[in-house]
N, C-alpha and C. Protein backbone atom coordinates (compact mmCIF):
# COMPACT_ATOMS: atom_id res chain seq x y z
N MET A 1 0.89 -1.12 0.03
CA MET A 1 -0.06 0.16 0.15
C MET A 1 1.01 1.07 -0.01
N THR A 2 0.54 2.38 -0.76
CA THR A 2 1.34 3.26 -0.70
C THR A 2 1.04 4.34 0.04
N GLU A 3 2.09 5.39 0.40
CA GLU A 3 1.43 6.47 1.16
C GLU A 3 0.24 7.30 0.89
N ILE A 4 0.08 7.50 -0.28
CA ILE A 4 -1.08 8.04 -0.67
C ILE A 4 -2.50 7.21 -0.42
N GLU A 5 -2.34 6.18 -0.66
CA GLU A 5 -3.59 5.11 -0.40
C GLU A 5 -3.62 4.70 1.20
N ARG A 6 -2.80 5.05 1.98
CA ARG A 6 -3.16 5.05 3.29
C ARG A 6 -3.59 6.56 3.98
N SER A 7 -3.14 7.61 3.28
CA SER A 7 -3.67 8.87 3.71
C SER A 7 -5.28 9.07 3.26
N GLU A 8 -5.40 8.33 2.25
CA GLU A 8 -6.74 8.45 1.62
C GLU A 8 -7.80 7.58 2.41
N ILE A 9 -7.48 6.56 3.03
CA ILE A 9 -8.22 5.56 3.89
C ILE A 9 -8.21 6.10 5.55
N GLY A 10 -7.32 6.71 6.10
CA GLY A 10 -7.27 7.35 7.15
C GLY A 10 -7.49 6.28 8.26
N LEU A 11 -7.58 7.04 9.60
CA LEU A 11 -7.86 5.76 10.76
C LEU A 11 -9.51 5.55 10.76
N ALA A 12 -9.72 4.40 11.38
CA ALA A 12 -11.01 3.98 11.47
C ALA A 12 -12.01 5.25 12.38
N GLU A 13 -11.42 5.89 13.10
CA GLU A 13 -12.05 6.66 13.92
C GLU A 13 -12.42 7.83 13.13
N GLY A 14 -11.61 8.23 12.10
CA GLY A 14 -12.02 9.39 11.29
C GLY A 14 -13.08 9.23 10.44
N ARG A 15 -13.68 7.94 10.16
CA ARG A 15 -15.05 7.63 9.33
C ARG A 15 -16.06 7.69 9.98
N TRP A 16 -16.04 7.49 11.67
CA TRP A 16 -17.05 7.49 12.50
C TRP A 16 -17.67 6.26 12.57
N LEU A 17 -17.37 5.35 11.52
CA LEU A 17 -18.50 4.09 11.63
C LEU A 17 -18.15 3.40 13.06
N TRP A 18 -16.70 3.20 13.59
CA TRP A 18 -16.57 2.58 14.77
C TRP A 18 -17.06 3.47 15.79
N ARG A 19 -16.87 4.72 15.90
CA ARG A 19 -17.51 5.52 16.80
C ARG A 19 -18.76 5.10 16.84
N ARG A 20 -19.60 5.31 15.82
CA ARG A 20 -21.04 4.94 16.13
C ARG A 20 -21.36 3.51 16.71
N LEU A 21 -21.00 2.64 16.05
CA LEU A 21 -21.11 1.33 16.42
C LEU A 21 -20.70 1.12 18.23
N TYR A 22 -19.84 1.59 18.27
CA TYR A 22 -19.36 1.64 19.95
C TYR A 22 -20.41 2.34 20.82
N VAL A 23 -20.54 3.53 20.43
CA VAL A 23 -21.93 4.38 20.99
C VAL A 23 -23.25 3.50 21.17
N PHE A 24 -23.47 2.84 20.07
CA PHE A 24 -25.03 2.21 19.78
C PHE A 24 -24.75 1.06 20.58
N ALA A 25 -23.99 0.52 20.63
CA ALA A 25 -23.50 -1.02 21.53
C ALA A 25 -23.60 -0.58 23.00
N ALA A 26 -22.48 0.40 23.43
CA ALA A 26 -22.87 0.73 24.73
C ALA A 26 -23.93 1.39 25.20
N SER A 27 -24.79 2.24 24.52
CA SER A 27 -26.04 2.69 24.80
C SER A 27 -27.01 1.33 25.14
N LEU A 28 -26.96 0.66 24.04
CA LEU A 28 -27.94 -0.74 24.48
C LEU A 28 -27.60 -1.32 25.47
N GLY A 29 -26.22 -1.61 25.64
CA GLY A 29 -26.02 -2.24 27.08
C GLY A 29 -26.38 -1.58 28.43
N LEU A 30 -26.24 0.05 28.41
CA LEU A 30 -26.56 0.67 29.54
C LEU A 30 -28.17 0.89 29.88
N TRP A 31 -28.88 0.71 28.58
CA TRP A 31 -30.37 0.68 28.57
C TRP A 31 -30.77 -0.78 29.19
N TRP A 32 -29.84 -1.72 28.76
CA TRP A 32 -30.32 -3.24 29.38
C TRP A 32 -29.92 -3.23 30.65
N LEU A 33 -28.73 -2.47 31.27
CA LEU A 33 -28.62 -2.46 32.74
C LEU A 33 -29.73 -1.61 33.37
N LEU A 34 -30.31 -0.57 32.91
CA LEU A 34 -31.17 0.23 33.58
C LEU A 34 -32.29 -0.80 33.63
N ALA A 35 -32.91 -1.44 32.69
CA ALA A 35 -33.99 -2.19 32.79
C ALA A 35 -33.99 -3.31 33.78
N ARG A 36 -32.48 -3.87 34.09
CA ARG A 36 -32.38 -4.90 34.93
C ARG A 36 -32.44 -4.15 36.19
N ALA A 37 -31.62 -3.04 36.21
CA ALA A 37 -31.67 -2.50 37.77
C ALA A 37 -33.06 -2.18 38.50
N VAL A 38 -33.76 -1.89 37.28
CA VAL A 38 -35.31 -1.20 37.69
C VAL A 38 -35.68 -2.62 38.47
N GLY A 39 -35.33 -3.76 37.74
CA GLY A 39 -36.34 -5.10 38.38
C GLY A 39 -35.67 -5.48 39.70
N ARG A 40 -34.26 -5.42 39.84
CA ARG A 40 -33.70 -5.86 40.95
C ARG A 40 -33.41 -4.90 42.23
N THR A 41 -33.40 -3.68 42.07
CA THR A 41 -32.96 -2.73 43.04
C THR A 41 -34.41 -2.45 44.08
N ALA A 42 -34.08 -2.37 45.10
CA ALA A 42 -34.93 -1.84 46.28
C ALA A 42 -35.59 -0.58 45.83
N PRO A 43 -36.85 -0.45 46.06
CA PRO A 43 -37.43 1.02 45.21
C PRO A 43 -37.01 2.23 46.09
N ALA A 44 -36.28 2.12 47.18
CA ALA A 44 -35.93 3.34 47.79
C ALA A 44 -34.35 3.71 47.20
N ASP A 45 -33.62 2.46 46.35
CA ASP A 45 -32.28 2.89 45.79
C ASP A 45 -32.38 3.31 44.31
N LEU A 46 -33.59 3.09 43.82
CA LEU A 46 -33.88 2.96 42.55
C LEU A 46 -33.57 4.68 41.63
N PRO A 47 -33.99 5.56 42.29
CA PRO A 47 -33.64 6.77 41.70
C PRO A 47 -31.99 6.95 41.39
N ARG A 48 -31.25 6.71 42.57
CA ARG A 48 -29.64 6.77 42.57
C ARG A 48 -29.22 5.93 41.40
N VAL A 49 -29.54 4.68 41.20
CA VAL A 49 -29.22 3.96 40.24
C VAL A 49 -29.62 4.23 38.96
N ALA A 50 -30.77 4.91 38.73
CA ALA A 50 -31.34 5.22 37.44
C ALA A 50 -30.15 6.25 37.13
N GLU A 51 -30.02 7.46 38.16
CA GLU A 51 -29.46 8.65 37.89
C GLU A 51 -28.15 8.32 37.28
N GLY A 52 -27.46 7.54 38.02
CA GLY A 52 -26.10 7.08 37.51
C GLY A 52 -26.08 6.71 36.27
N LEU A 53 -26.94 5.67 36.14
CA LEU A 53 -26.90 4.94 34.48
C LEU A 53 -27.09 5.96 33.28
N MET A 54 -28.31 6.71 33.71
CA MET A 54 -28.52 8.09 32.76
C MET A 54 -27.18 8.93 32.63
N GLY A 55 -26.54 9.32 33.54
CA GLY A 55 -25.35 9.98 33.62
C GLY A 55 -24.30 9.26 32.67
N LEU A 56 -24.23 7.99 32.53
CA LEU A 56 -23.37 7.28 31.85
C LEU A 56 -23.85 7.35 30.45
N LEU A 57 -25.35 7.21 30.18
CA LEU A 57 -25.55 7.17 28.70
C LEU A 57 -25.42 8.87 28.27
N ALA A 58 -25.51 9.99 29.07
CA ALA A 58 -25.14 11.24 28.85
C ALA A 58 -23.79 11.23 28.15
N LEU A 59 -22.97 10.77 29.07
CA LEU A 59 -21.32 11.11 28.70
C LEU A 59 -21.54 10.11 27.41
N MET A 60 -21.85 9.15 27.12
CA MET A 60 -21.56 8.32 26.15
C MET A 60 -21.84 9.34 24.95
N LEU A 61 -23.09 9.69 24.90
CA LEU A 61 -23.59 10.75 23.96
C LEU A 61 -22.72 11.95 23.50
N VAL A 62 -22.41 12.49 24.76
CA VAL A 62 -21.35 13.80 24.60
C VAL A 62 -20.20 13.19 23.82
N LEU A 63 -19.41 12.06 24.27
CA LEU A 63 -18.47 11.62 23.68
C LEU A 63 -18.54 11.56 22.16
N TYR A 64 -19.73 10.90 21.61
CA TYR A 64 -20.24 10.40 20.45
C TYR A 64 -20.19 11.97 19.34
N LEU A 65 -20.79 13.01 20.27
CA LEU A 65 -21.09 14.26 19.34
C LEU A 65 -19.73 15.02 19.50
N VAL A 66 -19.35 15.26 20.50
CA VAL A 66 -18.29 16.11 20.57
C VAL A 66 -16.67 15.59 20.68
N ALA A 67 -16.35 14.67 21.11
CA ALA A 67 -14.92 13.99 21.15
C ALA A 67 -14.27 14.06 19.78
N PRO A 68 -12.86 14.53 19.86
CA PRO A 68 -11.92 14.69 18.90
C PRO A 68 -12.02 13.00 18.30
N SER A 69 -11.64 12.93 17.13
CA SER A 69 -11.18 11.42 16.26
C SER A 69 -9.58 11.63 16.73
N ALA A 70 -9.02 10.35 16.58
CA ALA A 70 -7.65 10.03 16.71
C ALA A 70 -7.01 10.92 16.02
N GLN A 71 -7.40 11.29 14.63
CA GLN A 71 -6.70 11.98 13.62
C GLN A 71 -6.34 13.41 14.22
N GLN A 72 -7.54 13.81 14.77
CA GLN A 72 -7.54 15.24 15.19
C GLN A 72 -6.66 15.30 16.32
N MET A 73 -6.68 14.46 17.42
CA MET A 73 -5.95 14.51 18.35
C MET A 73 -4.32 14.46 18.17
N ILE A 74 -3.93 13.53 17.26
CA ILE A 74 -2.65 13.42 16.81
C ILE A 74 -2.21 14.97 16.32
N ALA A 75 -3.14 15.63 15.41
CA ALA A 75 -2.80 16.87 14.69
C ALA A 75 -2.75 17.90 16.06
N MET A 76 -3.63 17.79 16.99
CA MET A 76 -3.55 18.64 18.28
C MET A 76 -2.16 18.63 19.08
N LEU A 77 -1.89 17.25 18.90
CA LEU A 77 -0.62 16.99 19.85
C LEU A 77 0.84 17.79 19.27
N ALA A 78 0.75 17.41 17.70
CA ALA A 78 1.77 17.82 17.03
C ALA A 78 1.67 19.32 17.10
N ASN A 79 0.52 20.03 16.97
CA ASN A 79 0.62 21.69 17.09
C ASN A 79 1.00 21.75 18.66
N LEU A 80 0.55 21.17 19.55
CA LEU A 80 1.44 21.40 20.84
C LEU A 80 2.82 21.32 21.03
N ARG A 81 3.23 20.31 20.06
CA ARG A 81 4.59 19.99 20.30
C ARG A 81 5.70 21.02 19.69
N LEU A 82 4.81 21.82 18.40
CA LEU A 82 5.81 22.73 17.75
C LEU A 82 5.73 23.80 18.64
N ARG A 83 4.47 23.89 19.22
CA ARG A 83 4.39 25.47 19.97
C ARG A 83 5.41 25.25 21.26
N LEU A 84 5.54 24.23 21.94
CA LEU A 84 6.39 24.04 22.94
C LEU A 84 7.97 24.15 22.59
N ALA A 85 8.08 23.56 21.33
CA ALA A 85 9.72 23.87 20.88
C ALA A 85 9.85 25.28 20.55
N ALA A 86 9.06 26.04 20.06
CA ALA A 86 9.10 27.23 19.74
C ALA A 86 9.04 28.34 21.00
N GLY A 87 8.94 27.73 22.29
CA GLY A 87 8.84 28.36 23.16
C GLY A 87 7.68 29.16 23.83
N GLY A 88 6.63 28.36 23.22
CA GLY A 88 5.08 29.00 23.39
C GLY A 88 4.67 30.09 22.60
N ARG A 89 5.55 30.50 21.78
CA ARG A 89 5.15 31.67 20.76
C ARG A 89 4.37 31.02 19.71
N LYS A 90 3.34 31.92 19.05
CA LYS A 90 2.50 31.20 17.71
C LYS A 90 3.27 31.57 16.74
């Protein structure tokens, strides 16, 4: 594979497919945990358990929508490295 072909393909995270699959699977798993928790937890403890699982779902959605891809993180780190090498000047 040539260098041009590698740059055209890019990392899997840059195509969003794997991020979508991961968030979808994790969200389904967390919803399943919430359903099981409702059935097994004492009524007094349900609000705390449900809030924790809903918080995890919210975090997953934020990471899906906002989190940078691996390519973007590498670019940010390279930029930071150049700035540090230049003494913090732009």
